[in-house]
Amino acid sequence: MINIIDERIRRFMNSIRKPFRMVIASVTTGKGVKKVTGEGLAGEPVRDAEQFQYYGFQSVPPSGTMGVVVPLGGATSHSMIVATEHAAVGIDLATGEVSVVHQEGHYIHLKNGRLIEVECDDYVMRCKTWRVVATDGATLDTPLVAMTNQAQIDGLVTGKGGLALSNENGGGSAAQISGTVRVTEDVIAGGVSQVGHHHKDSLGGETDAPIR
């Protein structure tokens, strides 16, 4: 009797489709649940299987990606993709690290040591306000920093390579300074040295240079 029961249970379980692996051929794009088409490892066609992903995260796996298929109720016609993996898309990770990687090679890498590394060609951020709080300092290692509008700096401005100002767009002076300006060498105004210039005296001669 036990053998008969076991055989019936075995037959019933064999009639239920178990999870299997597949190779993805295409995935629909746009909003909503993605639909996946491809083949099982035995060449079995998989059509319009729903790709379930974690809330807030989306991806469209490229062709050749492996997937784990779970037939709901044991029926292949009601399958869903619960996990995907592509061996050629990824970066080296140490234990405990996390990354988001694109097939073209750019990535976000959450590294050990509280370090976040981003690698890309073009980084675009769209927001109403942007604030960076760096308690120790910030470094921009780039040949040029461009701003399309105004810049307001509340602290000391220090530079080593010189300062060039122009008023190509019009609308007033190229520079306006409220307060004292201290210069250690000379100021050239309109081609005239403020340290070495002379004036005509009342007798038609020239005065000495300004007293320093």
C-alpha atoms as a PDB file:
ATOM      1  CA  MET A   1       0.000   0.000   0.000  1.00  0.00           C
ATOM      2  CA  ILE A   2       2.796   2.427   0.914  1.00  0.00           C
ATOM      3  CA  ASN A   3       4.513   1.742  -2.399  1.00  0.00           C
ATOM      4  CA  ILE A   4       1.322   2.559  -4.286  1.00  0.00           C
ATOM      5  CA  ILE A   5       0.917   5.850  -2.407  1.00  0.00           C
ATOM      6  CA  ASP A   6       4.532   6.748  -3.021  1.00  0.00           C
ATOM      7  CA  GLU A   7       4.158   6.022  -6.713  1.00  0.00           C
ATOM      8  CA  ARG A   8       1.059   8.200  -6.989  1.00  0.00           C
ATOM      9  CA  ILE A   9       2.802  11.057  -5.182  1.00  0.00           C
ATOM     10  CA  ARG A  10       5.821  10.691  -7.447  1.00  0.00           C
ATOM     11  CA  ARG A  11       3.629  10.716 -10.538  1.00  0.00           C
ATOM     12  CA  PHE A  12       1.796  13.813  -9.331  1.00  0.00           C
ATOM     13  CA  MET A  13       5.008  15.680  -8.543  1.00  0.00           C
ATOM     14  CA  ASN A  14       6.446  14.806 -11.955  1.00  0.00           C
ATOM     15  CA  SER A  15       3.391  16.386 -13.581  1.00  0.00           C
ATOM     16  CA  ILE A  16       4.213  19.730 -11.938  1.00  0.00           C
ATOM     17  CA  ARG A  17       6.764  21.797 -13.846  1.00  0.00           C
ATOM     18  CA  LYS A  18       9.741  22.653 -11.667  1.00  0.00           C
ATOM     19  CA  PRO A  19      11.846  25.848 -11.919  1.00  0.00           C
ATOM     20  CA  PHE A  20      14.359  25.783 -14.777  1.00  0.00           C
ATOM     21  CA  ARG A  21      17.028  27.903 -16.446  1.00  0.00           C
ATOM     22  CA  MET A  22      16.649  29.753 -19.726  1.00  0.00           C
ATOM     23  CA  VAL A  23      18.618  31.985 -22.097  1.00  0.00           C
ATOM     24  CA  ILE A  24      16.903  35.293 -22.814  1.00  0.00           C
ATOM     25  CA  ALA A  25      16.509  36.385 -26.439  1.00  0.00           C
ATOM     26  CA  SER A  26      14.503  39.587 -25.996  1.00  0.00           C
ATOM     27  CA  VAL A  27      12.753  41.679 -23.351  1.00  0.00           C
ATOM     28  CA  THR A  28      10.040  44.269 -23.834  1.00  0.00           C
ATOM     29  CA  THR A  29      10.838  47.870 -22.859  1.00  0.00           C
ATOM     30  CA  GLY A  30       8.752  50.690 -21.433  1.00  0.00           C
ATOM     31  CA  LYS A  31       6.792  50.874 -18.200  1.00  0.00           C
ATOM     32  CA  GLY A  32       5.072  47.953 -16.538  1.00  0.00           C
ATOM     33  CA  VAL A  33       6.158  44.364 -16.075  1.00  0.00           C
ATOM     34  CA  LYS A  34       8.665  43.312 -18.711  1.00  0.00           C
ATOM     35  CA  LYS A  35       7.857  40.318 -20.944  1.00  0.00           C
ATOM     36  CA  VAL A  36      10.691  37.903 -21.697  1.00  0.00           C
ATOM     37  CA  THR A  37      11.150  35.583 -24.680  1.00  0.00           C
ATOM     38  CA  GLY A  38      13.858  32.967 -25.065  1.00  0.00           C
ATOM     39  CA  GLU A  39      14.693  29.283 -24.744  1.00  0.00           C
ATOM     40  CA  GLY A  40      15.087  26.794 -21.941  1.00  0.00           C
ATOM     41  CA  LEU A  41      18.346  24.878 -21.762  1.00  0.00           C
ATOM     42  CA  ALA A  42      16.705  21.971 -23.610  1.00  0.00           C
ATOM     43  CA  GLY A  43      15.603  24.258 -26.444  1.00  0.00           C
ATOM     44  CA  GLU A  44      12.105  24.665 -25.044  1.00  0.00           C
ATOM     45  CA  PRO A  45      10.575  27.985 -26.163  1.00  0.00           C
ATOM     46  CA  VAL A  46       9.656  30.493 -23.465  1.00  0.00           C
ATOM     47  CA  ARG A  47       7.297  33.244 -24.600  1.00  0.00           C
ATOM     48  CA  ASP A  48       6.067  36.347 -22.772  1.00  0.00           C
ATOM     49  CA  ALA A  49       7.223  35.226 -19.341  1.00  0.00           C
ATOM     50  CA  GLU A  50       6.888  38.070 -16.839  1.00  0.00           C
ATOM     51  CA  GLN A  51      10.126  39.409 -15.390  1.00  0.00           C
ATOM     52  CA  PHE A  52       9.587  40.291 -11.739  1.00  0.00           C
ATOM     53  CA  GLN A  53      12.048  42.740 -10.192  1.00  0.00           C
ATOM     54  CA  TYR A  54      12.545  44.390  -6.814  1.00  0.00           C
ATOM     55  CA  TYR A  55      10.484  47.504  -6.116  1.00  0.00           C
ATOM     56  CA  GLY A  56      12.198  50.649  -7.375  1.00  0.00           C
ATOM     57  CA  PHE A  57      14.732  48.792  -9.530  1.00  0.00           C
ATOM     58  CA  GLN A  58      14.397  48.132 -13.260  1.00  0.00           C
ATOM     59  CA  SER A  59      16.545  46.533 -15.921  1.00  0.00           C
ATOM     60  CA  VAL A  60      16.142  45.225 -19.457  1.00  0.00           C
ATOM     61  CA  PRO A  61      18.551  42.285 -19.755  1.00  0.00           C
ATOM     62  CA  PRO A  62      20.336  42.010 -23.127  1.00  0.00           C
ATOM     63  CA  SER A  63      20.181  38.965 -25.360  1.00  0.00           C
ATOM     64  CA  GLY A  64      22.209  36.070 -23.993  1.00  0.00           C
ATOM     65  CA  THR A  65      21.362  36.734 -20.358  1.00  0.00           C
ATOM     66  CA  MET A  66      20.563  33.667 -18.275  1.00  0.00           C
ATOM     67  CA  GLY A  67      17.334  33.571 -16.285  1.00  0.00           C
ATOM     68  CA  VAL A  68      15.669  31.428 -13.644  1.00  0.00           C
ATOM     69  CA  VAL A  69      12.089  30.565 -14.614  1.00  0.00           C
ATOM     70  CA  VAL A  70       9.418  29.612 -12.079  1.00  0.00           C
ATOM     71  CA  PRO A  71       6.237  28.141 -13.605  1.00  0.00           C
ATOM     72  CA  LEU A  72       3.344  29.341 -11.432  1.00  0.00           C
ATOM     73  CA  GLY A  73       1.118  26.447 -10.434  1.00  0.00           C
ATOM     74  CA  GLY A  74       3.552  24.180 -12.212  1.00  0.00           C
ATOM     75  CA  ALA A  75       2.377  25.412 -15.637  1.00  0.00           C
ATOM     76  CA  THR A  76       4.977  26.595 -18.151  1.00  0.00           C
ATOM     77  CA  SER A  77       2.395  28.882 -19.765  1.00  0.00           C
ATOM     78  CA  HIS A  78       2.263  30.892 -16.519  1.00  0.00           C
ATOM     79  CA  SER A  79       5.982  31.349 -15.973  1.00  0.00           C
ATOM     80  CA  MET A  80       7.817  34.273 -14.427  1.00  0.00           C
ATOM     81  CA  ILE A  81      11.500  35.224 -14.341  1.00  0.00           C
ATOM     82  CA  VAL A  82      12.746  35.683 -10.775  1.00  0.00           C
ATOM     83  CA  ALA A  83      16.490  36.148 -11.350  1.00  0.00           C
ATOM     84  CA  THR A  84      18.887  36.986 -14.195  1.00  0.00           C
ATOM     85  CA  GLU A  85      22.651  36.785 -14.675  1.00  0.00           C
ATOM     86  CA  HIS A  86      25.042  37.688 -17.503  1.00  0.00           C
ATOM     87  CA  ALA A  87      28.601  36.454 -17.059  1.00  0.00           C
ATOM     88  CA  ALA A  88      30.073  39.102 -19.383  1.00  0.00           C
ATOM     89  CA  VAL A  89      28.510  42.058 -17.555  1.00  0.00           C
ATOM     90  CA  GLY A  90      30.149  42.867 -14.234  1.00  0.00           C
ATOM     91  CA  ILE A  91      33.251  44.072 -12.399  1.00  0.00           C
ATOM     92  CA  ASP A  92      35.512  42.502  -9.803  1.00  0.00           C
ATOM     93  CA  LEU A  93      33.998  42.730  -6.326  1.00  0.00           C
ATOM     94  CA  ALA A  94      35.424  41.973  -2.919  1.00  0.00           C
ATOM     95  CA  THR A  95      33.340  40.270  -0.245  1.00  0.00           C
ATOM     96  CA  GLY A  96      30.605  42.614   0.950  1.00  0.00           C
ATOM     97  CA  GLU A  97      30.768  45.002  -2.023  1.00  0.00           C
ATOM     98  CA  VAL A  98      27.856  46.005  -4.287  1.00  0.00           C
ATOM     99  CA  SER A  99      27.712  47.359  -7.836  1.00  0.00           C
ATOM    100  CA  VAL A 100      25.348  48.505 -10.575  1.00  0.00           C
ATOM    101  CA  VAL A 101      26.920  47.706 -13.956  1.00  0.00           C
ATOM    102  CA  HIS A 102      25.880  48.461 -17.542  1.00  0.00           C
ATOM    103  CA  GLN A 103      26.831  46.226 -20.467  1.00  0.00           C
ATOM    104  CA  GLU A 104      28.823  49.142 -21.981  1.00  0.00           C
ATOM    105  CA  GLY A 105      31.123  49.185 -18.966  1.00  0.00           C
ATOM    106  CA  HIS A 106      30.046  52.172 -16.867  1.00  0.00           C
ATOM    107  CA  TYR A 107      29.182  51.379 -13.276  1.00  0.00           C
ATOM    108  CA  ILE A 108      28.484  52.455  -9.701  1.00  0.00           C
ATOM    109  CA  HIS A 109      30.631  50.588  -7.192  1.00  0.00           C
ATOM    110  CA  LEU A 110      29.963  50.602  -3.431  1.00  0.00           C
ATOM    111  CA  LYS A 111      33.370  49.562  -2.162  1.00  0.00           C
ATOM    112  CA  ASN A 112      34.618  48.493   1.215  1.00  0.00           C
ATOM    113  CA  GLY A 113      35.954  51.318   3.366  1.00  0.00           C
ATOM    114  CA  ARG A 114      32.843  53.519   2.880  1.00  0.00           C
ATOM    115  CA  LEU A 115      33.952  54.404  -0.658  1.00  0.00           C
ATOM    116  CA  ILE A 116      31.652  54.907  -3.661  1.00  0.00           C
ATOM    117  CA  GLU A 117      33.232  54.850  -7.132  1.00  0.00           C
ATOM    118  CA  VAL A 118      31.419  55.906 -10.310  1.00  0.00           C
ATOM    119  CA  GLU A 119      32.875  55.289 -13.783  1.00  0.00           C
ATOM    120  CA  CYS A 120      31.225  56.803 -16.883  1.00  0.00           C
ATOM    121  CA  ASP A 121      31.741  59.141 -19.846  1.00  0.00           C
ATOM    122  CA  ASP A 122      28.933  61.635 -19.168  1.00  0.00           C
ATOM    123  CA  TYR A 123      27.379  62.251 -15.724  1.00  0.00           C
ATOM    124  CA  VAL A 124      24.107  64.234 -15.749  1.00  0.00           C
ATOM    125  CA  MET A 125      22.162  65.230 -12.630  1.00  0.00           C
ATOM    126  CA  ARG A 126      18.771  66.981 -12.824  1.00  0.00           C
ATOM    127  CA  CYS A 127      17.342  68.532  -9.666  1.00  0.00           C
ATOM    128  CA  LYS A 128      16.028  71.786  -8.189  1.00  0.00           C
ATOM    129  CA  THR A 129      18.741  72.115  -5.551  1.00  0.00           C
ATOM    130  CA  TRP A 130      22.026  70.272  -5.096  1.00  0.00           C
ATOM    131  CA  ARG A 131      23.984  70.268  -1.859  1.00  0.00           C
ATOM    132  CA  VAL A 132      27.288  68.583  -1.087  1.00  0.00           C
ATOM    133  CA  VAL A 133      28.495  68.416   2.515  1.00  0.00           C
ATOM    134  CA  ALA A 134      32.206  67.538   2.589  1.00  0.00           C
ATOM    135  CA  THR A 135      33.539  68.075   6.107  1.00  0.00           C
ATOM    136  CA  ASP A 136      37.226  67.695   5.160  1.00  0.00           C
ATOM    137  CA  GLY A 137      37.380  69.136   1.649  1.00  0.00           C
ATOM    138  CA  ALA A 138      36.495  68.668  -2.022  1.00  0.00           C
ATOM    139  CA  THR A 139      38.724  68.322  -5.090  1.00  0.00           C
ATOM    140  CA  LEU A 140      37.825  68.806  -8.770  1.00  0.00           C
ATOM    141  CA  ASP A 141      40.619  67.283 -10.868  1.00  0.00           C
ATOM    142  CA  THR A 142      39.641  68.668 -14.269  1.00  0.00           C
ATOM    143  CA  PRO A 143      41.111  71.082 -16.863  1.00  0.00           C
ATOM    144  CA  LEU A 144      38.000  73.297 -16.822  1.00  0.00           C
ATOM    145  CA  VAL A 145      35.033  74.035 -14.550  1.00  0.00           C
ATOM    146  CA  ALA A 146      32.259  75.881 -16.434  1.00  0.00           C
ATOM    147  CA  MET A 147      29.205  77.619 -14.955  1.00  0.00           C
ATOM    148  CA  THR A 148      26.476  79.025 -17.201  1.00  0.00           C
ATOM    149  CA  ASN A 149      25.227  81.583 -14.668  1.00  0.00           C
ATOM    150  CA  GLN A 150      26.202  83.198 -11.377  1.00  0.00           C
ATOM    151  CA  ALA A 151      28.503  81.828  -8.699  1.00  0.00           C
ATOM    152  CA  GLN A 152      28.322  82.972  -5.081  1.00  0.00           C
ATOM    153  CA  ILE A 153      31.196  82.196  -2.714  1.00  0.00           C
ATOM    154  CA  ASP A 154      30.838  83.131   0.945  1.00  0.00           C
ATOM    155  CA  GLY A 155      34.408  82.361   1.980  1.00  0.00           C
ATOM    156  CA  LEU A 156      37.934  83.272   0.924  1.00  0.00           C
ATOM    157  CA  VAL A 157      38.822  82.754  -2.749  1.00  0.00           C
ATOM    158  CA  THR A 158      42.427  81.644  -3.269  1.00  0.00           C
ATOM    159  CA  GLY A 159      44.113  81.076  -6.624  1.00  0.00           C
ATOM    160  CA  LYS A 160      47.608  80.488  -8.023  1.00  0.00           C
ATOM    161  CA  GLY A 161      47.201  80.630 -11.797  1.00  0.00           C
ATOM    162  CA  GLY A 162      46.000  84.227 -12.159  1.00  0.00           C
ATOM    163  CA  LEU A 163      42.584  85.805 -12.683  1.00  0.00           C
ATOM    164  CA  ALA A 164      40.997  86.834 -15.996  1.00  0.00           C
ATOM    165  CA  LEU A 165      37.675  88.719 -16.076  1.00  0.00           C
ATOM    166  CA  SER A 166      35.732  90.095 -19.037  1.00  0.00           C
ATOM    167  CA  ASN A 167      32.362  91.686 -19.665  1.00  0.00           C
ATOM    168  CA  GLU A 168      31.619  90.289 -23.096  1.00  0.00           C
ATOM    169  CA  ASN A 169      27.880  90.147 -22.390  1.00  0.00           C
ATOM    170  CA  GLY A 170      27.741  93.826 -21.368  1.00  0.00           C
ATOM    171  CA  GLY A 171      25.698  95.173 -18.495  1.00  0.00           C
ATOM    172  CA  GLY A 172      28.293  96.992 -16.406  1.00  0.00           C
ATOM    173  CA  SER A 173      31.814  96.607 -15.152  1.00  0.00           C
ATOM    174  CA  ALA A 174      33.777  93.404 -15.526  1.00  0.00           C
ATOM    175  CA  ALA A 175      34.465  93.486 -11.790  1.00  0.00           C
ATOM    176  CA  GLN A 176      33.050  95.351  -8.824  1.00  0.00           C
ATOM    177  CA  ILE A 177      34.780  95.233  -5.449  1.00  0.00           C
ATOM    178  CA  SER A 178      33.366  96.584  -2.196  1.00  0.00           C
ATOM    179  CA  GLY A 179      36.222  97.096   0.235  1.00  0.00           C
ATOM    180  CA  THR A 180      39.984  97.511   0.193  1.00  0.00           C
ATOM    181  CA  VAL A 181      42.202  95.890  -2.441  1.00  0.00           C
ATOM    182  CA  ARG A 182      45.768  95.113  -1.412  1.00  0.00           C
ATOM    183  CA  VAL A 183      48.308  94.487  -4.204  1.00  0.00           C
ATOM    184  CA  THR A 184      51.902  93.439  -3.451  1.00  0.00           C
ATOM    185  CA  GLU A 185      53.346  94.397  -6.871  1.00  0.00           C
ATOM    186  CA  ASP A 186      51.637  96.722  -9.360  1.00  0.00           C
ATOM    187  CA  VAL A 187      48.284  97.486 -10.973  1.00  0.00           C
ATOM    188  CA  ILE A 188      48.119  98.309 -14.695  1.00  0.00           C
ATOM    189  CA  ALA A 189      45.046 100.442 -15.438  1.00  0.00           C
ATOM    190  CA  GLY A 190      44.463 101.399 -19.065  1.00  0.00           C
ATOM    191  CA  GLY A 191      48.069 100.529 -19.851  1.00  0.00           C
ATOM    192  CA  VAL A 192      49.400 102.796 -17.093  1.00  0.00           C
ATOM    193  CA  SER A 193      51.409 101.482 -14.183  1.00  0.00           C
ATOM    194  CA  GLN A 194      50.064 102.659 -10.843  1.00  0.00           C
ATOM    195  CA  VAL A 195      53.523 102.256  -9.283  1.00  0.00           C
ATOM    196  CA  GLY A 196      55.837 103.643 -11.983  1.00  0.00           C
ATOM    197  CA  HIS A 197      53.744 106.336 -13.708  1.00  0.00           C
ATOM    198  CA  HIS A 198      54.541 110.096 -13.813  1.00  0.00           C
ATOM    199  CA  HIS A 199      52.478 113.296 -14.001  1.00  0.00           C
ATOM    200  CA  LYS A 200      53.146 116.636 -15.684  1.00  0.00           C
ATOM    201  CA  ASP A 201      54.117 119.217 -13.093  1.00  0.00           C
ATOM    202  CA  SER A 202      53.262 122.920 -13.135  1.00  0.00           C
ATOM    203  CA  LEU A 203      56.566 123.771 -14.813  1.00  0.00           C
ATOM    204  CA  GLY A 204      56.041 121.446 -17.771  1.00  0.00           C
ATOM    205  CA  GLY A 205      58.264 118.722 -16.479  1.00  0.00           C
ATOM    206  CA  GLU A 206      57.409 115.340 -15.018  1.00  0.00           C
ATOM    207  CA  THR A 207      56.924 114.395 -11.441  1.00  0.00           C
ATOM    208  CA  ASP A 208      58.748 111.585  -9.812  1.00  0.00           C
ATOM    209  CA  ALA A 209      57.149 108.176  -9.520  1.00  0.00           C
ATOM    210  CA  PRO A 210      54.601 107.792  -6.708  1.00  0.00           C
ATOM    211  CA  ILE A 211      56.077 107.516  -3.236  1.00  0.00           C
ATOM    212  CA  ARG A 212      55.939 103.941  -1.992  1.00  0.00           C
END
